[in-house]
Amino acid sequence: MSDLNRGIMKFEGADSPKIVTISTVVILGAIAALIIWSLQAAYAVN
């Protein structure tokens, strides 16, 4: 069992490259969306 298959990720295949890639894209996308939204709200861009 790998370290990624412990804690809250207690399901089989939690450390598969496909799941890790999807999770990374979702998290980075959410961070990017928050940064863009905050810049537009703070500086009234557009």
PDB file of N, CA and C in Angstrom:
ATOM      1  N   MET A   1       0.851  -1.182   0.000  1.00  0.00           N
ATOM      2  CA  MET A   1       0.000   0.000   0.000  1.00  0.00           C
ATOM      3  C   MET A   1       0.896   1.245   0.000  1.00  0.00           C
ATOM      4  N   SER A   2       0.600   2.155  -0.879  1.00  0.00           N
ATOM      5  CA  SER A   2       1.400   3.378  -0.934  1.00  0.00           C
ATOM      6  C   SER A   2       0.891   4.393   0.086  1.00  0.00           C
ATOM      7  N   ASP A   3       1.671   5.438   0.294  1.00  0.00           N
ATOM      8  CA  ASP A   3       1.268   6.471   1.251  1.00  0.00           C
ATOM      9  C   ASP A   3       0.026   7.224   0.792  1.00  0.00           C
ATOM     10  N   LEU A   4      -0.205   7.289  -0.528  1.00  0.00           N
ATOM     11  CA  LEU A   4      -1.372   8.014  -1.029  1.00  0.00           C
ATOM     12  C   LEU A   4      -2.668   7.238  -0.819  1.00  0.00           C
ATOM     13  N   ASN A   5      -2.560   5.987  -0.459  1.00  0.00           N
ATOM     14  CA  ASN A   5      -3.751   5.155  -0.274  1.00  0.00           C
ATOM     15  C   ASN A   5      -4.169   5.115   1.186  1.00  0.00           C
ATOM     16  N   ARG A   6      -3.764   6.118   1.956  1.00  0.00           N
ATOM     17  CA  ARG A   6      -4.096   6.189   3.382  1.00  0.00           C
ATOM     18  C   ARG A   6      -4.828   7.488   3.669  1.00  0.00           C
ATOM     19  N   GLY A   7      -5.216   7.682   4.899  1.00  0.00           N
ATOM     20  CA  GLY A   7      -5.896   8.917   5.273  1.00  0.00           C
ATOM     21  C   GLY A   7      -7.266   9.008   4.647  1.00  0.00           C
ATOM     22  N   ILE A   8      -7.576  10.164   4.043  1.00  0.00           N
ATOM     23  CA  ILE A   8      -8.901  10.343   3.452  1.00  0.00           C
ATOM     24  C   ILE A   8      -9.023   9.621   2.111  1.00  0.00           C
ATOM     25  N   MET A   9      -7.902   9.225   1.525  1.00  0.00           N
ATOM     26  CA  MET A   9      -7.923   8.541   0.231  1.00  0.00           C
ATOM     27  C   MET A   9      -7.916   7.030   0.463  1.00  0.00           C
ATOM     28  N   LYS A  10      -8.906   6.522   1.176  1.00  0.00           N
ATOM     29  CA  LYS A  10      -8.935   5.114   1.553  1.00  0.00           C
ATOM     30  C   LYS A  10      -9.700   4.273   0.543  1.00  0.00           C
ATOM     31  N   PHE A  11      -9.457   4.450  -0.734  1.00  0.00           N
ATOM     32  CA  PHE A  11     -10.094   3.592  -1.713  1.00  0.00           C
ATOM     33  C   PHE A  11      -9.045   3.050  -2.659  1.00  0.00           C
ATOM     34  N   GLU A  12      -9.363   1.944  -3.246  1.00  0.00           N
ATOM     35  CA  GLU A  12      -8.427   1.273  -4.145  1.00  0.00           C
ATOM     36  C   GLU A  12      -8.175   2.139  -5.376  1.00  0.00           C
ATOM     37  N   GLY A  13      -6.928   2.325  -5.751  1.00  0.00           N
ATOM     38  CA  GLY A  13      -6.594   3.123  -6.919  1.00  0.00           C
ATOM     39  C   GLY A  13      -6.473   4.603  -6.631  1.00  0.00           C
ATOM     40  N   ALA A  14      -6.408   4.985  -5.372  1.00  0.00           N
ATOM     41  CA  ALA A  14      -6.321   6.407  -5.024  1.00  0.00           C
ATOM     42  C   ALA A  14      -5.017   7.029  -5.513  1.00  0.00           C
ATOM     43  N   ASP A  15      -3.993   6.207  -5.722  1.00  0.00           N
ATOM     44  CA  ASP A  15      -2.705   6.742  -6.152  1.00  0.00           C
ATOM     45  C   ASP A  15      -2.448   6.506  -7.634  1.00  0.00           C
ATOM     46  N   SER A  16      -3.494   6.196  -8.399  1.00  0.00           N
ATOM     47  CA  SER A  16      -3.299   5.978  -9.833  1.00  0.00           C
ATOM     48  C   SER A  16      -3.003   7.308 -10.515  1.00  0.00           C
ATOM     49  N   PRO A  17      -2.166   7.296 -11.536  1.00  0.00           N
ATOM     50  CA  PRO A  17      -1.807   8.545 -12.217  1.00  0.00           C
ATOM     51  C   PRO A  17      -3.018   9.304 -12.766  1.00  0.00           C
ATOM     52  N   LYS A  18      -4.033   8.573 -13.209  1.00  0.00           N
ATOM     53  CA  LYS A  18      -5.233   9.225 -13.761  1.00  0.00           C
ATOM     54  C   LYS A  18      -5.946  10.058 -12.692  1.00  0.00           C
ATOM     55  N   ILE A  19      -6.140   9.485 -11.513  1.00  0.00           N
ATOM     56  CA  ILE A  19      -6.820  10.193 -10.420  1.00  0.00           C
ATOM     57  C   ILE A  19      -5.984  11.376  -9.949  1.00  0.00           C
ATOM     58  N   VAL A  20      -4.675  11.176  -9.833  1.00  0.00           N
ATOM     59  CA  VAL A  20      -3.795  12.259  -9.398  1.00  0.00           C
ATOM     60  C   VAL A  20      -3.827  13.409 -10.395  1.00  0.00           C
ATOM     61  N   THR A  21      -3.820  13.099 -11.695  1.00  0.00           N
ATOM     62  CA  THR A  21      -3.866  14.139 -12.731  1.00  0.00           C
ATOM     63  C   THR A  21      -5.177  14.909 -12.690  1.00  0.00           C
ATOM     64  N   ILE A  22      -6.283  14.196 -12.574  1.00  0.00           N
ATOM     65  CA  ILE A  22      -7.594  14.852 -12.523  1.00  0.00           C
ATOM     66  C   ILE A  22      -7.685  15.756 -11.294  1.00  0.00           C
ATOM     67  N   SER A  23      -7.233  15.266 -10.156  1.00  0.00           N
ATOM     68  CA  SER A  23      -7.265  16.068  -8.932  1.00  0.00           C
ATOM     69  C   SER A  23      -6.409  17.316  -9.061  1.00  0.00           C
ATOM     70  N   THR A  24      -5.235  17.172  -9.663  1.00  0.00           N
ATOM     71  CA  THR A  24      -4.345  18.315  -9.848  1.00  0.00           C
ATOM     72  C   THR A  24      -4.973  19.371 -10.737  1.00  0.00           C
ATOM     73  N   VAL A  25      -5.579  18.941 -11.831  1.00  0.00           N
ATOM     74  CA  VAL A  25      -6.221  19.891 -12.747  1.00  0.00           C
ATOM     75  C   VAL A  25      -7.367  20.618 -12.059  1.00  0.00           C
ATOM     76  N   VAL A  26      -8.166  19.902 -11.302  1.00  0.00           N
ATOM     77  CA  VAL A  26      -9.298  20.527 -10.607  1.00  0.00           C
ATOM     78  C   VAL A  26      -8.813  21.543  -9.575  1.00  0.00           C
ATOM     79  N   ILE A  27      -7.813  21.165  -8.794  1.00  0.00           N
ATOM     80  CA  ILE A  27      -7.315  22.065  -7.749  1.00  0.00           C
ATOM     81  C   ILE A  27      -6.658  23.296  -8.356  1.00  0.00           C
ATOM     82  N   LEU A  28      -5.797  23.105  -9.356  1.00  0.00           N
ATOM     83  CA  LEU A  28      -5.130  24.257  -9.982  1.00  0.00           C
ATOM     84  C   LEU A  28      -6.124  25.145 -10.726  1.00  0.00           C
ATOM     85  N   GLY A  29      -7.138  24.545 -11.320  1.00  0.00           N
ATOM     86  CA  GLY A  29      -8.179  25.324 -11.990  1.00  0.00           C
ATOM     87  C   GLY A  29      -8.959  26.184 -11.010  1.00  0.00           C
ATOM     88  N   ALA A  30      -9.270  25.619  -9.855  1.00  0.00           N
ATOM     89  CA  ALA A  30      -9.991  26.378  -8.833  1.00  0.00           C
ATOM     90  C   ALA A  30      -9.134  27.526  -8.306  1.00  0.00           C
ATOM     91  N   ILE A  31      -7.852  27.277  -8.102  1.00  0.00           N
ATOM     92  CA  ILE A  31      -6.955  28.338  -7.636  1.00  0.00           C
ATOM     93  C   ILE A  31      -6.856  29.444  -8.669  1.00  0.00           C
ATOM     94  N   ALA A  32      -6.711  29.075  -9.941  1.00  0.00           N
ATOM     95  CA  ALA A  32      -6.623  30.071 -11.009  1.00  0.00           C
ATOM     96  C   ALA A  32      -7.913  30.889 -11.095  1.00  0.00           C
ATOM     97  N   ALA A  33      -9.056  30.228 -10.977  1.00  0.00           N
ATOM     98  CA  ALA A  33     -10.334  30.942 -11.029  1.00  0.00           C
ATOM     99  C   ALA A  33     -10.459  31.931  -9.875  1.00  0.00           C
ATOM    100  N   LEU A  34     -10.030  31.536  -8.683  1.00  0.00           N
ATOM    101  CA  LEU A  34     -10.088  32.443  -7.539  1.00  0.00           C
ATOM    102  C   LEU A  34      -9.154  33.633  -7.710  1.00  0.00           C
ATOM    103  N   ILE A  35      -7.972  33.400  -8.268  1.00  0.00           N
ATOM    104  CA  ILE A  35      -7.034  34.507  -8.499  1.00  0.00           C
ATOM    105  C   ILE A  35      -7.596  35.479  -9.524  1.00  0.00           C
ATOM    106  N   ILE A  36      -8.133  34.965 -10.611  1.00  0.00           N
ATOM    107  CA  ILE A  36      -8.722  35.834 -11.649  1.00  0.00           C
ATOM    108  C   ILE A  36      -9.898  36.617 -11.083  1.00  0.00           C
ATOM    109  N   TRP A  37     -10.775  35.924 -10.340  1.00  0.00           N
ATOM    110  CA  TRP A  37     -11.933  36.604  -9.749  1.00  0.00           C
ATOM    111  C   TRP A  37     -11.498  37.696  -8.775  1.00  0.00           C
ATOM    112  N   SER A  38     -10.488  37.398  -7.952  1.00  0.00           N
ATOM    113  CA  SER A  38     -10.055  38.388  -6.963  1.00  0.00           C
ATOM    114  C   SER A  38      -9.406  39.596  -7.616  1.00  0.00           C
ATOM    115  N   LEU A  39      -8.648  39.375  -8.687  1.00  0.00           N
ATOM    116  CA  LEU A  39      -8.044  40.506  -9.390  1.00  0.00           C
ATOM    117  C   LEU A  39      -9.106  41.379 -10.053  1.00  0.00           C
ATOM    118  N   GLN A  40     -10.126  40.739 -10.628  1.00  0.00           N
ATOM    119  CA  GLN A  40     -11.201  41.515 -11.240  1.00  0.00           C
ATOM    120  C   GLN A  40     -11.991  42.279 -10.190  1.00  0.00           C
ATOM    121  N   ALA A  41     -12.212  41.678  -9.042  1.00  0.00           N
ATOM    122  CA  ALA A  41     -12.978  42.351  -7.988  1.00  0.00           C
ATOM    123  C   ALA A  41     -12.182  43.486  -7.376  1.00  0.00           C
ATOM    124  N   ALA A  42     -10.890  43.303  -7.223  1.00  0.00           N
ATOM    125  CA  ALA A  42     -10.063  44.323  -6.544  1.00  0.00           C
ATOM    126  C   ALA A  42      -9.717  45.483  -7.464  1.00  0.00           C
ATOM    127  N   TYR A  43      -9.459  45.209  -8.728  1.00  0.00           N
ATOM    128  CA  TYR A  43      -8.966  46.245  -9.623  1.00  0.00           C
ATOM    129  C   TYR A  43      -9.925  46.608 -10.737  1.00  0.00           C
ATOM    130  N   ALA A  44     -11.091  46.038 -10.762  1.00  0.00           N
ATOM    131  CA  ALA A  44     -12.112  46.353 -11.769  1.00  0.00           C
ATOM    132  C   ALA A  44     -11.550  46.239 -13.183  1.00  0.00           C
ATOM    133  N   VAL A  45     -10.878  45.118 -13.443  1.00  0.00           N
ATOM    134  CA  VAL A  45     -10.354  44.865 -14.785  1.00  0.00           C
ATOM    135  C   VAL A  45     -11.530  44.536 -15.686  1.00  0.00           C
ATOM    136  N   ASN A  46     -11.495  45.032 -16.912  1.00  0.00           N
ATOM    137  CA  ASN A  46     -12.572  44.870 -17.911  1.00  0.00           C
ATOM    138  C   ASN A  46     -13.711  45.791 -17.562  1.00  0.00           C
TER     139      ASN A  46
END
